[in-house]
Amino acid sequence: MEKLRNLRKQRGYTQDYMSKIIATDVSNYSRKESGEVRIFEDEWEKLAKALDVPVEDIKEDKPGNTVNFNDSATNSGPFLNTHYSIPDYILESQQEYINLLKEQIEALKEENKKLKSKR
């Protein structure tokens, strides 16, 4: 959330100061400002008021990577239409792990073929 970060710094406000405005701890505010954690509408309004700007001047709707937990079969459950942003570095790490597992599966298939052919 570059707009928010830049304006906060221009105003000389610390993350600690901003975290108090939205009633959270500095660590959580930092994650919000970096885009790892969602900033809710009421928080955008409080932050904009503190920075003395319209919400549109700081709000960035980052499309990002979201996961929707929705049980479409029953339209029920605790995760109904809940969205979570997943940072790119986590997705990349998971994709690397998936690729490694695929390689290991192929190697095991080859080993299995060799063992079967020795019978």
N, C-alpha and C. Protein backbone atom coordinates (compact mmCIF):
# COMPACT_ATOMS: atom_id res chain seq x y z
N MET A 1 0.84 -1.18 0.00
CA MET A 1 0.00 0.00 0.00
C MET A 1 0.89 1.25 0.00
N GLU A 2 1.49 1.46 -1.16
CA GLU A 2 2.46 2.54 -1.30
C GLU A 2 1.89 3.91 -1.00
N LYS A 3 0.67 4.19 -1.46
CA LYS A 3 0.09 5.52 -1.24
C LYS A 3 0.00 5.81 0.25
N LEU A 4 -0.50 4.84 1.00
CA LEU A 4 -0.65 4.99 2.45
C LEU A 4 0.71 5.20 3.11
N ARG A 5 1.66 4.32 2.78
CA ARG A 5 3.00 4.41 3.38
C ARG A 5 3.66 5.76 3.07
N ASN A 6 3.61 6.16 1.81
CA ASN A 6 4.25 7.42 1.42
C ASN A 6 3.64 8.62 2.11
N LEU A 7 2.33 8.67 2.17
CA LEU A 7 1.67 9.81 2.81
C LEU A 7 1.95 9.82 4.32
N ARG A 8 1.96 8.64 4.93
CA ARG A 8 2.26 8.56 6.37
C ARG A 8 3.65 9.13 6.62
N LYS A 9 4.61 8.74 5.78
CA LYS A 9 5.98 9.22 5.96
C LYS A 9 6.08 10.72 5.69
N GLN A 10 5.36 11.21 4.69
CA GLN A 10 5.36 12.65 4.40
C GLN A 10 4.84 13.45 5.58
N ARG A 11 3.85 12.89 6.25
CA ARG A 11 3.27 13.59 7.41
C ARG A 11 4.15 13.43 8.66
N GLY A 12 5.13 12.54 8.59
CA GLY A 12 6.01 12.32 9.73
C GLY A 12 5.42 11.44 10.80
N TYR A 13 4.42 10.64 10.43
CA TYR A 13 3.78 9.76 11.40
C TYR A 13 4.48 8.40 11.42
N THR A 14 4.54 7.80 12.58
CA THR A 14 5.14 6.47 12.72
C THR A 14 4.06 5.41 12.54
N GLN A 15 4.50 4.19 12.31
CA GLN A 15 3.54 3.08 12.25
C GLN A 15 2.86 2.90 13.60
N ASP A 16 3.59 3.16 14.67
CA ASP A 16 3.01 3.06 16.01
C ASP A 16 1.84 4.03 16.16
N TYR A 17 2.04 5.26 15.71
CA TYR A 17 0.98 6.28 15.78
C TYR A 17 -0.25 5.83 14.98
N MET A 18 -0.01 5.34 13.76
CA MET A 18 -1.11 4.92 12.90
C MET A 18 -1.83 3.69 13.46
N SER A 19 -1.06 2.80 14.09
CA SER A 19 -1.67 1.59 14.64
C SER A 19 -2.67 1.95 15.75
N LYS A 20 -2.37 2.98 16.51
CA LYS A 20 -3.28 3.40 17.58
C LYS A 20 -4.59 3.96 17.01
N ILE A 21 -4.52 4.58 15.84
CA ILE A 21 -5.70 5.15 15.21
C ILE A 21 -6.71 4.06 14.84
N ILE A 22 -6.21 2.91 14.42
CA ILE A 22 -7.13 1.82 14.06
C ILE A 22 -7.19 0.74 15.13
N ALA A 23 -6.67 1.06 16.30
CA ALA A 23 -6.77 0.17 17.47
C ALA A 23 -6.19 -1.22 17.20
N THR A 24 -4.94 -1.25 16.75
CA THR A 24 -4.26 -2.52 16.54
C THR A 24 -2.81 -2.36 17.01
N ASP A 25 -2.05 -3.45 16.99
CA ASP A 25 -0.65 -3.35 17.38
C ASP A 25 0.20 -2.98 16.16
N VAL A 26 1.41 -2.55 16.42
CA VAL A 26 2.31 -2.08 15.36
C VAL A 26 2.59 -3.18 14.34
N SER A 27 2.78 -4.40 14.81
CA SER A 27 3.08 -5.51 13.92
C SER A 27 1.94 -5.73 12.93
N ASN A 28 0.71 -5.72 13.42
CA ASN A 28 -0.45 -5.92 12.55
C ASN A 28 -0.59 -4.74 11.59
N TYR A 29 -0.38 -3.52 12.09
CA TYR A 29 -0.46 -2.35 11.21
C TYR A 29 0.58 -2.46 10.10
N SER A 30 1.77 -2.87 10.44
CA SER A 30 2.84 -3.01 9.46
C SER A 30 2.43 -3.98 8.36
N ARG A 31 1.81 -5.09 8.74
CA ARG A 31 1.34 -6.07 7.76
C ARG A 31 0.22 -5.50 6.90
N LYS A 32 -0.63 -4.68 7.50
CA LYS A 32 -1.70 -4.03 6.74
C LYS A 32 -1.09 -3.06 5.73
N GLU A 33 -0.13 -2.27 6.18
CA GLU A 33 0.48 -1.26 5.31
C GLU A 33 1.27 -1.91 4.17
N SER A 34 1.81 -3.09 4.41
CA SER A 34 2.57 -3.78 3.36
C SER A 34 1.67 -4.59 2.44
N GLY A 35 0.38 -4.69 2.78
CA GLY A 35 -0.56 -5.40 1.93
C GLY A 35 -0.73 -6.87 2.27
N GLU A 36 -0.07 -7.33 3.32
CA GLU A 36 -0.18 -8.73 3.71
C GLU A 36 -1.51 -9.02 4.40
N VAL A 37 -2.05 -8.00 5.09
CA VAL A 37 -3.30 -8.15 5.83
C VAL A 37 -4.27 -7.09 5.32
N ARG A 38 -5.51 -7.48 5.19
CA ARG A 38 -6.55 -6.58 4.66
C ARG A 38 -6.80 -5.39 5.58
N ILE A 39 -7.00 -4.24 4.95
CA ILE A 39 -7.45 -3.05 5.68
C ILE A 39 -8.94 -2.92 5.42
N PHE A 40 -9.72 -2.90 6.48
CA PHE A 40 -11.17 -2.84 6.36
C PHE A 40 -11.64 -1.42 6.07
N GLU A 41 -12.85 -1.29 5.56
CA GLU A 41 -13.39 0.02 5.16
C GLU A 41 -13.34 1.04 6.29
N ASP A 42 -13.75 0.63 7.50
CA ASP A 42 -13.75 1.58 8.61
C ASP A 42 -12.33 2.02 8.96
N GLU A 43 -11.36 1.12 8.75
CA GLU A 43 -9.96 1.48 9.02
C GLU A 43 -9.46 2.46 7.96
N TRP A 44 -9.84 2.25 6.69
CA TRP A 44 -9.45 3.19 5.64
C TRP A 44 -9.95 4.59 6.00
N GLU A 45 -11.19 4.66 6.48
CA GLU A 45 -11.77 5.95 6.83
C GLU A 45 -11.02 6.62 7.97
N LYS A 46 -10.68 5.86 9.00
CA LYS A 46 -9.92 6.41 10.14
C LYS A 46 -8.54 6.87 9.71
N LEU A 47 -7.88 6.08 8.87
CA LEU A 47 -6.54 6.43 8.41
C LEU A 47 -6.58 7.69 7.54
N ALA A 48 -7.57 7.78 6.66
CA ALA A 48 -7.70 8.95 5.80
C ALA A 48 -7.96 10.20 6.63
N LYS A 49 -8.79 10.07 7.64
CA LYS A 49 -9.09 11.21 8.51
C LYS A 49 -7.83 11.67 9.24
N ALA A 50 -7.06 10.71 9.74
CA ALA A 50 -5.82 11.04 10.45
C ALA A 50 -4.81 11.73 9.54
N LEU A 51 -4.81 11.32 8.26
CA LEU A 51 -3.87 11.91 7.29
C LEU A 51 -4.46 13.14 6.61
N ASP A 52 -5.72 13.44 6.92
CA ASP A 52 -6.42 14.61 6.40
C ASP A 52 -6.51 14.58 4.87
N VAL A 53 -6.92 13.42 4.35
CA VAL A 53 -7.11 13.25 2.92
C VAL A 53 -8.36 12.42 2.67
N PRO A 54 -8.92 12.48 1.46
CA PRO A 54 -10.03 11.58 1.15
C PRO A 54 -9.53 10.14 1.09
N VAL A 55 -10.39 9.19 1.39
CA VAL A 55 -10.03 7.77 1.37
C VAL A 55 -9.42 7.40 0.01
N GLU A 56 -9.99 7.94 -1.06
CA GLU A 56 -9.52 7.61 -2.41
C GLU A 56 -8.04 7.93 -2.62
N ASP A 57 -7.52 8.89 -1.87
CA ASP A 57 -6.12 9.29 -2.02
C ASP A 57 -5.13 8.27 -1.46
N ILE A 58 -5.61 7.40 -0.58
CA ILE A 58 -4.69 6.42 0.02
C ILE A 58 -5.08 4.98 -0.26
N LYS A 59 -6.35 4.75 -0.57
CA LYS A 59 -6.82 3.37 -0.72
C LYS A 59 -6.35 2.78 -2.04
N GLU A 60 -5.84 1.56 -1.94
CA GLU A 60 -5.44 0.81 -3.11
C GLU A 60 -6.11 -0.55 -3.01
N ASP A 61 -6.90 -0.87 -4.00
CA ASP A 61 -7.52 -2.19 -4.04
C ASP A 61 -6.56 -3.10 -4.77
N LYS A 62 -5.76 -3.81 -4.00
CA LYS A 62 -4.78 -4.73 -4.57
C LYS A 62 -5.50 -6.01 -4.94
N PRO A 63 -5.53 -6.35 -6.24
CA PRO A 63 -6.21 -7.58 -6.61
C PRO A 63 -5.58 -8.78 -5.93
N GLY A 64 -4.25 -8.86 -5.98
CA GLY A 64 -3.51 -9.88 -5.25
C GLY A 64 -4.02 -11.28 -5.46
N ASN A 65 -3.58 -12.16 -4.63
CA ASN A 65 -3.99 -13.56 -4.69
C ASN A 65 -4.93 -13.81 -3.52
N THR A 66 -6.14 -14.19 -3.85
CA THR A 66 -7.09 -14.46 -2.78
C THR A 66 -7.58 -15.88 -2.89
N VAL A 67 -7.94 -16.42 -1.76
CA VAL A 67 -8.50 -17.76 -1.69
C VAL A 67 -9.89 -17.61 -1.10
N ASN A 68 -10.87 -18.20 -1.78
CA ASN A 68 -12.24 -18.11 -1.32
C ASN A 68 -12.65 -19.46 -0.75
N PHE A 69 -12.88 -19.52 0.55
CA PHE A 69 -13.35 -20.74 1.19
C PHE A 69 -14.87 -20.68 1.20
N ASN A 70 -15.49 -21.40 0.29
CA ASN A 70 -16.94 -21.37 0.20
C ASN A 70 -17.44 -22.78 -0.08
N ASP A 71 -18.26 -23.29 0.79
CA ASP A 71 -18.85 -24.61 0.59
C ASP A 71 -20.08 -24.41 -0.30
N SER A 72 -19.87 -24.48 -1.62
CA SER A 72 -20.95 -24.18 -2.55
C SER A 72 -22.04 -25.24 -2.52
N ALA A 73 -21.72 -26.43 -2.06
CA ALA A 73 -22.72 -27.49 -2.03
C ALA A 73 -23.82 -27.19 -1.00
N THR A 74 -23.42 -26.64 0.11
CA THR A 74 -24.40 -26.39 1.17
C THR A 74 -24.59 -24.92 1.48
N ASN A 75 -23.69 -24.07 0.95
CA ASN A 75 -23.69 -22.65 1.28
C ASN A 75 -23.70 -22.44 2.79
N SER A 76 -22.93 -23.25 3.45
CA SER A 76 -22.87 -23.13 4.90
C SER A 76 -21.44 -23.33 5.36
N GLY A 77 -21.25 -23.26 6.62
CA GLY A 77 -19.93 -23.48 7.18
C GLY A 77 -19.31 -22.18 7.64
N PRO A 78 -18.28 -22.29 8.45
CA PRO A 78 -17.68 -21.10 9.05
C PRO A 78 -16.93 -20.23 8.04
N PHE A 79 -16.60 -20.77 6.87
CA PHE A 79 -15.80 -20.01 5.93
C PHE A 79 -16.61 -19.46 4.76
N LEU A 80 -17.89 -19.33 4.90
CA LEU A 80 -18.73 -18.89 3.80
C LEU A 80 -18.24 -17.55 3.25
N ASN A 81 -17.81 -17.56 2.00
CA ASN A 81 -17.39 -16.36 1.29
C ASN A 81 -16.34 -15.55 2.05
N THR A 82 -15.42 -16.20 2.70
CA THR A 82 -14.34 -15.53 3.39
C THR A 82 -13.13 -15.51 2.48
N HIS A 83 -12.51 -14.35 2.30
CA HIS A 83 -11.37 -14.20 1.41
C HIS A 83 -10.12 -13.90 2.22
N TYR A 84 -9.01 -14.51 1.82
CA TYR A 84 -7.74 -14.28 2.48
C TYR A 84 -6.71 -13.92 1.42
N SER A 85 -5.96 -12.87 1.66
CA SER A 85 -4.87 -12.53 0.74
C SER A 85 -3.66 -13.38 1.09
N ILE A 86 -3.05 -13.92 0.07
CA ILE A 86 -1.87 -14.75 0.27
C ILE A 86 -0.70 -14.06 -0.41
N PRO A 87 0.32 -13.70 0.35
CA PRO A 87 1.47 -13.02 -0.26
C PRO A 87 2.12 -13.86 -1.35
N ASP A 88 2.62 -13.20 -2.39
CA ASP A 88 3.24 -13.89 -3.52
C ASP A 88 4.37 -14.80 -3.10
N TYR A 89 5.18 -14.37 -2.11
CA TYR A 89 6.34 -15.19 -1.73
C TYR A 89 5.91 -16.54 -1.16
N ILE A 90 4.76 -16.59 -0.53
CA ILE A 90 4.27 -17.87 -0.01
C ILE A 90 3.81 -18.76 -1.16
N LEU A 91 3.10 -18.16 -2.12
CA LEU A 91 2.65 -18.95 -3.27
C LEU A 91 3.84 -19.48 -4.06
N GLU A 92 4.86 -18.66 -4.24
CA GLU A 92 6.05 -19.10 -4.97
C GLU A 92 6.74 -20.25 -4.24
N SER A 93 6.85 -20.12 -2.93
CA SER A 93 7.48 -21.16 -2.12
C SER A 93 6.70 -22.47 -2.24
N GLN A 94 5.38 -22.38 -2.18
CA GLN A 94 4.55 -23.58 -2.28
C GLN A 94 4.66 -24.20 -3.67
N GLN A 95 4.74 -23.35 -4.72
CA GLN A 95 4.87 -23.88 -6.08
C GLN A 95 6.20 -24.60 -6.24
N GLU A 96 7.27 -24.06 -5.66
CA GLU A 96 8.57 -24.72 -5.71
C GLU A 96 8.50 -26.09 -5.03
N TYR A 97 7.82 -26.15 -3.91
CA TYR A 97 7.68 -27.41 -3.17
C TYR A 97 6.87 -28.42 -3.99
N ILE A 98 5.81 -27.95 -4.62
CA ILE A 98 5.00 -28.83 -5.47
C ILE A 98 5.85 -29.40 -6.60
N ASN A 99 6.66 -28.55 -7.22
CA ASN A 99 7.52 -29.01 -8.32
C ASN A 99 8.53 -30.05 -7.82
N LEU A 100 9.10 -29.83 -6.64
CA LEU A 100 10.04 -30.79 -6.06
C LEU A 100 9.34 -32.13 -5.83
N LEU A 101 8.13 -32.08 -5.29
CA LEU A 101 7.38 -33.32 -5.05
C LEU A 101 7.07 -34.04 -6.35
N LYS A 102 6.75 -33.30 -7.41
CA LYS A 102 6.49 -33.93 -8.71
C LYS A 102 7.73 -34.65 -9.21
N GLU A 103 8.90 -34.02 -9.05
CA GLU A 103 10.15 -34.66 -9.47
C GLU A 103 10.39 -35.94 -8.69
N GLN A 104 10.14 -35.89 -7.38
CA GLN A 104 10.34 -37.07 -6.55
C GLN A 104 9.36 -38.18 -6.93
N ILE A 105 8.14 -37.82 -7.27
CA ILE A 105 7.16 -38.82 -7.69
C ILE A 105 7.63 -39.50 -8.96
N GLU A 106 8.12 -38.72 -9.92
CA GLU A 106 8.61 -39.30 -11.17
C GLU A 106 9.80 -40.24 -10.92
N ALA A 107 10.71 -39.83 -10.05
CA ALA A 107 11.87 -40.67 -9.73
C ALA A 107 11.41 -41.98 -9.08
N LEU A 108 10.42 -41.91 -8.21
CA LEU A 108 9.90 -43.12 -7.56
C LEU A 108 9.18 -44.02 -8.56
N LYS A 109 8.48 -43.42 -9.52
CA LYS A 109 7.83 -44.23 -10.56
C LYS A 109 8.87 -44.99 -11.37
N GLU A 110 9.96 -44.31 -11.72
CA GLU A 110 11.02 -44.97 -12.48
C GLU A 110 11.64 -46.11 -11.68
N GLU A 111 11.91 -45.85 -10.41
CA GLU A 111 12.48 -46.88 -9.54
C GLU A 111 11.52 -48.07 -9.42
N ASN A 112 10.24 -47.78 -9.32
CA ASN A 112 9.22 -48.82 -9.23
C ASN A 112 9.21 -49.68 -10.50
N LYS A 113 9.31 -49.04 -11.66
CA LYS A 113 9.35 -49.78 -12.93
C LYS A 113 10.55 -50.72 -12.98
N LYS A 114 11.72 -50.20 -12.54
CA LYS A 114 12.95 -51.02 -12.55
C LYS A 114 12.80 -52.22 -11.65
N LEU A 115 12.25 -52.00 -10.48
CA LEU A 115 12.05 -53.10 -9.53
C LEU A 115 11.09 -54.15 -10.08
N LYS A 116 10.02 -53.71 -10.72
CA LYS A 116 9.05 -54.65 -11.29
C LYS A 116 9.64 -55.45 -12.43
N SER A 117 10.52 -54.81 -13.22
CA SER A 117 11.11 -55.50 -14.36
C SER A 117 12.14 -56.55 -13.94
N LYS A 118 12.64 -56.48 -12.72
CA LYS A 118 13.64 -57.45 -12.23
C LYS A 118 12.98 -58.73 -11.76
N ARG A 119 11.68 -58.77 -11.66
CA ARG A 119 10.99 -59.96 -11.15
C ARG A 119 11.12 -61.12 -12.06
